Amino acid sequence: MSAEVRNNAERSRYELVVDGRVVGIADYRRQGDTLVFPHTEINSALRGQGLGAVLVGGALDDARANGSRVVPRCWFVAEFIAENPEYQDLVAA
């Protein structure tokens, strides 16, 4: 299985692409240099396989690479950050 996380800036979301098909999204709203994540979703048939973590990890890695801070309004993004303290520094005060 080939998985890629890409930023679809036109749609204000990160997409998880598996074998050429979008199977997950992490919506965001840009507020200056901060990304607010209100919603994350994985195709229901593929849940429970760790794909949400791949998506959110990729989105946060991209935010870091671009100097952005994040606000985790989505419960999944907030939980992912809580469980992966190496991303704590990205959370906007």
N, C-alpha and C. Protein backbone atom coordinates (compact mmCIF):
# COMPACT_ATOMS: atom_id res chain seq x y z
N MET A 1 0.85 -1.18 0.00
CA MET A 1 0.00 0.00 0.00
C MET A 1 0.89 1.23 0.00
N SER A 2 0.69 2.09 -0.96
CA SER A 2 1.44 3.35 -1.09
C SER A 2 0.59 4.48 -0.53
N ALA A 3 1.10 5.18 0.50
CA ALA A 3 0.34 6.26 1.14
C ALA A 3 1.13 7.56 1.05
N GLU A 4 0.42 8.64 0.75
CA GLU A 4 1.03 9.97 0.65
C GLU A 4 0.09 10.99 1.27
N VAL A 5 0.66 11.92 2.03
CA VAL A 5 -0.12 13.03 2.57
C VAL A 5 0.22 14.26 1.76
N ARG A 6 -0.80 14.93 1.23
CA ARG A 6 -0.56 16.13 0.43
C ARG A 6 -1.48 17.25 0.90
N ASN A 7 -0.96 18.46 0.77
CA ASN A 7 -1.73 19.64 1.13
C ASN A 7 -2.51 20.11 -0.10
N ASN A 8 -3.82 20.06 -0.03
CA ASN A 8 -4.66 20.58 -1.10
C ASN A 8 -5.10 21.97 -0.65
N ALA A 9 -4.24 22.96 -0.90
CA ALA A 9 -4.48 24.32 -0.41
C ALA A 9 -5.76 24.93 -0.99
N GLU A 10 -6.12 24.58 -2.21
CA GLU A 10 -7.34 25.11 -2.81
C GLU A 10 -8.59 24.71 -2.02
N ARG A 11 -8.54 23.52 -1.40
CA ARG A 11 -9.68 23.02 -0.64
C ARG A 11 -9.46 23.14 0.86
N SER A 12 -8.33 23.76 1.26
CA SER A 12 -7.99 23.95 2.68
C SER A 12 -8.06 22.64 3.45
N ARG A 13 -7.33 21.65 2.94
CA ARG A 13 -7.30 20.38 3.63
C ARG A 13 -6.06 19.58 3.23
N TYR A 14 -5.65 18.73 4.16
CA TYR A 14 -4.64 17.73 3.85
C TYR A 14 -5.38 16.48 3.43
N GLU A 15 -4.82 15.79 2.45
CA GLU A 15 -5.45 14.58 1.95
C GLU A 15 -4.49 13.40 2.11
N LEU A 16 -5.02 12.27 2.51
CA LEU A 16 -4.27 11.04 2.54
C LEU A 16 -4.65 10.26 1.29
N VAL A 17 -3.65 10.01 0.45
CA VAL A 17 -3.87 9.31 -0.80
C VAL A 17 -3.23 7.92 -0.68
N VAL A 18 -4.03 6.90 -0.86
CA VAL A 18 -3.56 5.51 -0.82
C VAL A 18 -3.83 4.88 -2.17
N ASP A 19 -2.77 4.41 -2.78
CA ASP A 19 -2.88 3.77 -4.10
C ASP A 19 -3.67 4.64 -5.08
N GLY A 20 -3.37 5.95 -5.08
CA GLY A 20 -3.97 6.88 -6.03
C GLY A 20 -5.36 7.38 -5.67
N ARG A 21 -5.88 7.00 -4.51
CA ARG A 21 -7.25 7.38 -4.13
C ARG A 21 -7.25 8.14 -2.81
N VAL A 22 -7.97 9.26 -2.74
CA VAL A 22 -8.09 10.01 -1.49
C VAL A 22 -8.96 9.20 -0.53
N VAL A 23 -8.37 8.82 0.62
CA VAL A 23 -9.09 8.00 1.60
C VAL A 23 -9.26 8.70 2.93
N GLY A 24 -8.67 9.89 3.06
CA GLY A 24 -8.81 10.63 4.31
C GLY A 24 -8.53 12.10 4.10
N ILE A 25 -9.12 12.92 4.96
CA ILE A 25 -8.92 14.37 4.89
C ILE A 25 -8.77 14.95 6.29
N ALA A 26 -7.99 16.00 6.37
CA ALA A 26 -7.87 16.80 7.59
C ALA A 26 -8.10 18.25 7.16
N ASP A 27 -9.31 18.74 7.40
CA ASP A 27 -9.65 20.12 7.04
C ASP A 27 -8.90 21.09 7.93
N TYR A 28 -8.59 22.26 7.38
CA TYR A 28 -7.98 23.32 8.19
C TYR A 28 -8.45 24.68 7.72
N ARG A 29 -8.34 25.64 8.63
CA ARG A 29 -8.56 27.06 8.31
C ARG A 29 -7.27 27.78 8.64
N ARG A 30 -6.78 28.54 7.71
CA ARG A 30 -5.55 29.30 7.94
C ARG A 30 -5.90 30.63 8.58
N GLN A 31 -5.20 30.94 9.68
CA GLN A 31 -5.33 32.23 10.36
C GLN A 31 -3.92 32.75 10.53
N GLY A 32 -3.46 33.53 9.57
CA GLY A 32 -2.08 34.01 9.58
C GLY A 32 -1.14 32.83 9.41
N ASP A 33 -0.24 32.65 10.38
CA ASP A 33 0.69 31.52 10.29
C ASP A 33 0.22 30.33 11.12
N THR A 34 -1.08 30.31 11.44
CA THR A 34 -1.65 29.23 12.25
C THR A 34 -2.68 28.45 11.44
N LEU A 35 -2.65 27.12 11.59
CA LEU A 35 -3.64 26.25 10.96
C LEU A 35 -4.57 25.71 12.04
N VAL A 36 -5.86 25.97 11.89
CA VAL A 36 -6.87 25.47 12.82
C VAL A 36 -7.47 24.21 12.18
N PHE A 37 -7.35 23.08 12.88
CA PHE A 37 -7.87 21.81 12.37
C PHE A 37 -9.21 21.48 13.05
N PRO A 38 -10.36 21.70 12.34
CA PRO A 38 -11.65 21.43 12.96
C PRO A 38 -12.19 20.02 12.71
N HIS A 39 -11.65 19.31 11.69
CA HIS A 39 -12.27 18.05 11.30
C HIS A 39 -11.26 17.15 10.59
N THR A 40 -11.29 15.88 10.94
CA THR A 40 -10.47 14.86 10.29
C THR A 40 -11.36 13.66 10.02
N GLU A 41 -11.16 13.03 8.86
CA GLU A 41 -12.02 11.90 8.51
C GLU A 41 -11.24 10.90 7.66
N ILE A 42 -11.45 9.62 7.96
CA ILE A 42 -10.90 8.52 7.17
C ILE A 42 -12.07 7.73 6.61
N ASN A 43 -11.94 7.26 5.38
CA ASN A 43 -12.97 6.43 4.76
C ASN A 43 -13.37 5.33 5.74
N SER A 44 -14.66 5.18 5.98
CA SER A 44 -15.14 4.27 7.02
C SER A 44 -14.68 2.83 6.82
N ALA A 45 -14.53 2.38 5.60
CA ALA A 45 -14.09 1.01 5.34
C ALA A 45 -12.62 0.79 5.72
N LEU A 46 -11.87 1.88 5.90
CA LEU A 46 -10.43 1.77 6.18
C LEU A 46 -10.05 2.18 7.59
N ARG A 47 -11.02 2.48 8.43
CA ARG A 47 -10.73 2.90 9.80
C ARG A 47 -10.12 1.75 10.59
N GLY A 48 -9.36 2.12 11.62
CA GLY A 48 -8.76 1.13 12.48
C GLY A 48 -7.44 0.56 11.97
N GLN A 49 -6.89 1.16 10.92
CA GLN A 49 -5.65 0.68 10.33
C GLN A 49 -4.48 1.64 10.55
N GLY A 50 -4.70 2.68 11.36
CA GLY A 50 -3.64 3.64 11.63
C GLY A 50 -3.50 4.73 10.58
N LEU A 51 -4.43 4.79 9.65
CA LEU A 51 -4.33 5.78 8.57
C LEU A 51 -4.56 7.20 9.08
N GLY A 52 -5.39 7.35 10.11
CA GLY A 52 -5.60 8.68 10.69
C GLY A 52 -4.30 9.24 11.24
N ALA A 53 -3.53 8.40 11.89
CA ALA A 53 -2.23 8.83 12.44
C ALA A 53 -1.26 9.20 11.32
N VAL A 54 -1.30 8.46 10.23
CA VAL A 54 -0.45 8.79 9.08
C VAL A 54 -0.83 10.16 8.53
N LEU A 55 -2.13 10.39 8.39
CA LEU A 55 -2.63 11.67 7.87
C LEU A 55 -2.26 12.83 8.77
N VAL A 56 -2.57 12.72 10.05
CA VAL A 56 -2.32 13.82 10.97
C VAL A 56 -0.83 14.05 11.15
N GLY A 57 -0.05 12.98 11.26
CA GLY A 57 1.40 13.12 11.37
C GLY A 57 1.98 13.84 10.17
N GLY A 58 1.52 13.48 8.98
CA GLY A 58 1.99 14.14 7.76
C GLY A 58 1.60 15.60 7.71
N ALA A 59 0.36 15.90 8.13
CA ALA A 59 -0.10 17.29 8.14
C ALA A 59 0.72 18.12 9.12
N LEU A 60 0.98 17.57 10.30
CA LEU A 60 1.76 18.31 11.30
C LEU A 60 3.22 18.46 10.87
N ASP A 61 3.77 17.45 10.22
CA ASP A 61 5.14 17.57 9.70
C ASP A 61 5.22 18.68 8.66
N ASP A 62 4.19 18.78 7.82
CA ASP A 62 4.17 19.83 6.81
C ASP A 62 4.01 21.20 7.46
N ALA A 63 3.16 21.29 8.47
CA ALA A 63 2.99 22.56 9.19
C ALA A 63 4.32 23.00 9.79
N ARG A 64 5.05 22.06 10.41
CA ARG A 64 6.35 22.38 10.99
C ARG A 64 7.33 22.87 9.90
N ALA A 65 7.36 22.17 8.79
CA ALA A 65 8.28 22.52 7.71
C ALA A 65 8.01 23.91 7.15
N ASN A 66 6.75 24.35 7.25
CA ASN A 66 6.37 25.66 6.74
C ASN A 66 6.31 26.73 7.81
N GLY A 67 6.73 26.41 9.02
CA GLY A 67 6.77 27.39 10.10
C GLY A 67 5.42 27.74 10.67
N SER A 68 4.44 26.86 10.49
CA SER A 68 3.09 27.13 10.99
C SER A 68 2.90 26.57 12.39
N ARG A 69 1.99 27.18 13.14
CA ARG A 69 1.52 26.69 14.42
C ARG A 69 0.17 26.03 14.15
N VAL A 70 -0.34 25.27 15.11
CA VAL A 70 -1.62 24.59 14.91
C VAL A 70 -2.54 24.78 16.11
N VAL A 71 -3.84 24.73 15.84
CA VAL A 71 -4.87 24.71 16.87
C VAL A 71 -5.69 23.46 16.62
N PRO A 72 -5.59 22.46 17.49
CA PRO A 72 -6.29 21.19 17.28
C PRO A 72 -7.73 21.22 17.80
N ARG A 73 -8.65 21.72 17.00
CA ARG A 73 -10.07 21.74 17.40
C ARG A 73 -10.70 20.35 17.22
N CYS A 74 -10.19 19.58 16.28
CA CYS A 74 -10.66 18.21 16.06
C CYS A 74 -10.15 17.32 17.19
N TRP A 75 -11.02 16.50 17.76
CA TRP A 75 -10.62 15.62 18.87
C TRP A 75 -9.49 14.68 18.47
N PHE A 76 -9.49 14.21 17.22
CA PHE A 76 -8.47 13.26 16.80
C PHE A 76 -7.11 13.92 16.73
N VAL A 77 -7.06 15.13 16.19
CA VAL A 77 -5.78 15.86 16.11
C VAL A 77 -5.28 16.17 17.52
N ALA A 78 -6.17 16.60 18.39
CA ALA A 78 -5.79 16.89 19.79
C ALA A 78 -5.26 15.63 20.48
N GLU A 79 -5.93 14.51 20.30
CA GLU A 79 -5.49 13.25 20.90
C GLU A 79 -4.14 12.81 20.33
N PHE A 80 -3.97 12.97 19.02
CA PHE A 80 -2.71 12.58 18.39
C PHE A 80 -1.55 13.39 18.97
N ILE A 81 -1.75 14.68 19.13
CA ILE A 81 -0.69 15.53 19.69
C ILE A 81 -0.42 15.15 21.15
N ALA A 82 -1.46 14.87 21.91
CA ALA A 82 -1.28 14.47 23.31
C ALA A 82 -0.49 13.17 23.42
N GLU A 83 -0.68 12.27 22.47
CA GLU A 83 0.00 10.98 22.49
C GLU A 83 1.37 11.02 21.83
N ASN A 84 1.68 12.10 21.15
CA ASN A 84 2.96 12.25 20.43
C ASN A 84 3.57 13.59 20.83
N PRO A 85 4.21 13.65 22.00
CA PRO A 85 4.68 14.93 22.54
C PRO A 85 5.69 15.67 21.66
N GLU A 86 6.26 15.00 20.68
CA GLU A 86 7.19 15.71 19.78
C GLU A 86 6.47 16.75 18.93
N TYR A 87 5.13 16.76 18.96
CA TYR A 87 4.37 17.77 18.22
C TYR A 87 3.81 18.88 19.12
N GLN A 88 4.00 18.77 20.44
CA GLN A 88 3.48 19.76 21.38
C GLN A 88 3.92 21.18 21.05
N ASP A 89 5.15 21.33 20.56
CA ASP A 89 5.67 22.67 20.29
C ASP A 89 4.94 23.38 19.16
N LEU A 90 4.15 22.65 18.38
CA LEU A 90 3.40 23.25 17.27
C LEU A 90 2.12 23.92 17.72
N VAL A 91 1.62 23.57 18.91
CA VAL A 91 0.33 24.06 19.37
C VAL A 91 0.43 25.54 19.72
N ALA A 92 -0.44 26.33 19.09
CA ALA A 92 -0.47 27.77 19.34
C ALA A 92 -1.02 28.03 20.73
N ALA A 93 -0.45 29.01 21.38
CA ALA A 93 -0.87 29.35 22.76
C ALA A 93 -2.23 30.00 22.76
